[in-house]
Amino acid sequence: MSHKIELSKLHDAVVCNEDDNVLEVSRIMRDTRKRHILVVDDHLKPLGVISAFDINNRVVAEEKNIHNTKAKDIMSKPVQTIDLHSSYEEACEKMVEHEMHTIPVTKEGKIIGILDLAYIFRDHNGGKNEH
């Protein structure tokens, strides 16, 4: 499994800023139909991740104000990422270790996309790369 991530098709990363409020975060997640969103700084460096579960448990169930609660207040951290120049094997090991189906890919510390475990298996089992 010596394929490199840099040769893979990456999904667009869904991101928000650490100072976005929960209402803005929820709308981004709704509009993109994603259950997770990466929290990044102004330079696209990953700071944390928010899931629909986090919003439910840390905001709704705690009756916090969606306008005043910021992404940085409810995000889980640190974010597990993989460098663009890493191998599929390294990505798979990290995803298995952290029970992840996708992993953010970075280049020089900045988020550039998301690698999907299903894509790795399709590509490794004879599928063609879609560039």
Protein backbone atom coordinates (compact mmCIF):
# COMPACT_ATOMS: atom_id res chain seq x y z
CA MET A 1 0.00 0.00 0.00
CA SER A 2 2.73 2.46 -0.98
CA HIS A 3 0.39 4.95 -2.67
CA LYS A 4 0.93 8.53 -1.62
CA ILE A 5 -1.85 10.82 -0.49
CA GLU A 6 -0.62 13.51 -2.86
CA LEU A 7 -1.80 11.34 -5.77
CA SER A 8 -5.29 10.95 -4.31
CA LYS A 9 -8.54 12.75 -4.89
CA LEU A 10 -9.31 14.76 -1.77
CA HIS A 11 -12.71 16.01 -0.70
CA ASP A 12 -13.11 19.70 0.01
CA ALA A 13 -12.68 20.48 3.70
CA VAL A 14 -15.65 22.10 5.42
CA VAL A 15 -14.29 24.72 7.78
CA CYS A 16 -15.29 27.48 10.12
CA ASN A 17 -13.37 30.09 12.08
CA GLU A 18 -12.79 29.67 15.79
CA ASP A 19 -14.81 32.84 16.49
CA ASP A 20 -17.88 31.80 14.46
CA ASN A 21 -20.90 31.30 16.67
CA VAL A 22 -22.75 28.00 16.92
CA LEU A 23 -25.61 29.23 14.74
CA GLU A 24 -23.15 29.99 11.90
CA VAL A 25 -21.41 26.63 12.40
CA SER A 26 -24.73 24.76 12.35
CA ARG A 27 -25.80 26.49 9.15
CA ILE A 28 -22.54 25.63 7.41
CA MET A 29 -22.99 22.00 8.45
CA ARG A 30 -26.62 22.01 7.27
CA ASP A 31 -25.83 23.64 3.94
CA THR A 32 -22.95 21.25 3.21
CA ARG A 33 -24.78 18.21 4.65
CA LYS A 34 -21.77 17.33 6.83
CA ARG A 35 -21.74 15.95 10.36
CA HIS A 36 -18.29 17.38 11.16
CA ILE A 37 -16.64 20.73 10.57
CA LEU A 38 -13.00 21.70 11.05
CA VAL A 39 -12.22 24.77 13.09
CA VAL A 40 -9.32 26.70 11.58
CA ASP A 41 -7.46 29.93 12.21
CA ASP A 42 -7.12 32.71 9.65
CA HIS A 43 -4.25 30.80 7.97
CA LEU A 44 -6.24 27.51 7.60
CA LYS A 45 -4.27 25.83 10.37
CA PRO A 46 -6.47 23.27 12.15
CA LEU A 47 -7.44 24.07 15.72
CA GLY A 48 -10.26 21.64 16.43
CA VAL A 49 -13.27 19.79 15.08
CA ILE A 50 -16.98 20.08 15.85
CA SER A 51 -19.51 17.32 15.29
CA ALA A 52 -23.30 17.41 15.33
CA PHE A 53 -22.92 15.38 18.55
CA ASP A 54 -20.83 18.22 20.07
CA ILE A 55 -23.48 20.80 19.20
CA ASN A 56 -26.22 18.64 20.70
CA ASN A 57 -24.36 17.76 23.91
CA ARG A 58 -22.34 20.92 24.53
CA VAL A 59 -24.84 23.54 23.40
CA VAL A 60 -28.44 22.30 23.11
CA ALA A 61 -28.45 19.96 26.13
CA GLU A 62 -26.63 22.60 28.21
CA GLU A 63 -29.06 25.33 27.03
CA LYS A 64 -26.23 27.59 25.87
CA ASN A 65 -26.91 30.63 23.72
CA ILE A 66 -26.22 29.79 20.05
CA HIS A 67 -25.37 33.41 19.28
CA ASN A 68 -22.81 33.83 22.08
CA THR A 69 -21.21 30.37 22.09
CA LYS A 70 -18.21 30.25 19.76
CA ALA A 71 -16.75 27.36 17.82
CA LYS A 72 -13.64 27.49 20.02
CA ASP A 73 -15.86 26.95 23.10
CA ILE A 74 -17.22 23.58 21.93
CA MET A 75 -14.60 22.15 19.56
CA SER A 76 -12.77 18.92 20.30
CA LYS A 77 -9.01 19.16 20.10
CA PRO A 78 -6.41 18.36 19.01
CA VAL A 79 -7.31 17.55 15.42
CA GLN A 80 -5.72 14.44 13.96
CA THR A 81 -4.28 15.28 10.54
CA ILE A 82 -1.99 13.69 7.97
CA ASP A 83 0.59 15.40 5.76
CA LEU A 84 0.05 15.44 2.01
CA HIS A 85 3.33 13.58 1.44
CA SER A 86 2.39 10.67 3.72
CA SER A 87 1.42 7.22 2.48
CA TYR A 88 -1.95 5.49 2.48
CA GLU A 89 -0.53 3.12 5.08
CA GLU A 90 0.28 5.98 7.46
CA ALA A 91 -3.16 7.49 6.91
CA CYS A 92 -4.90 4.14 7.54
CA GLU A 93 -2.90 3.52 10.71
CA LYS A 94 -3.84 6.93 12.07
CA MET A 95 -7.51 6.56 11.12
CA VAL A 96 -7.74 3.13 12.74
CA GLU A 97 -5.91 4.29 15.86
CA HIS A 98 -8.28 7.24 16.30
CA GLU A 99 -11.43 5.48 14.98
CA MET A 100 -11.87 7.89 12.06
CA HIS A 101 -13.42 7.36 8.61
CA THR A 102 -11.89 10.53 7.18
CA ILE A 103 -8.78 12.53 7.99
CA PRO A 104 -7.85 16.13 7.22
CA VAL A 105 -4.85 16.45 4.92
CA THR A 106 -2.37 19.25 5.45
CA LYS A 107 0.36 20.85 3.41
CA GLU A 108 2.83 22.94 5.39
CA GLY A 109 0.41 22.77 8.32
CA LYS A 110 -2.60 24.14 6.40
CA ILE A 111 -5.75 22.16 5.62
CA ILE A 112 -6.00 21.35 1.91
CA GLY A 113 -8.67 18.64 1.89
CA ILE A 114 -10.10 15.49 3.42
CA LEU A 115 -9.01 11.92 2.67
CA ASP A 116 -11.75 9.30 2.87
CA LEU A 117 -11.05 5.73 4.02
CA ALA A 118 -13.45 4.36 1.40
CA TYR A 119 -11.45 6.11 -1.34
CA ILE A 120 -8.22 4.51 -0.09
CA PHE A 121 -9.77 1.04 -0.26
CA ARG A 122 -11.30 1.62 -3.71
CA ASP A 123 -8.00 2.94 -5.04
CA HIS A 124 -5.96 0.17 -3.42
CA ASN A 125 -8.29 -2.49 -4.81
CA GLY A 126 -7.79 -1.54 -8.43
CA GLY A 127 -9.90 1.60 -8.72
CA LYS A 128 -8.56 4.42 -10.83
CA ASN A 129 -7.58 7.76 -9.38
CA GLU A 130 -9.95 10.53 -10.37
CA HIS A 131 -7.91 13.67 -10.87
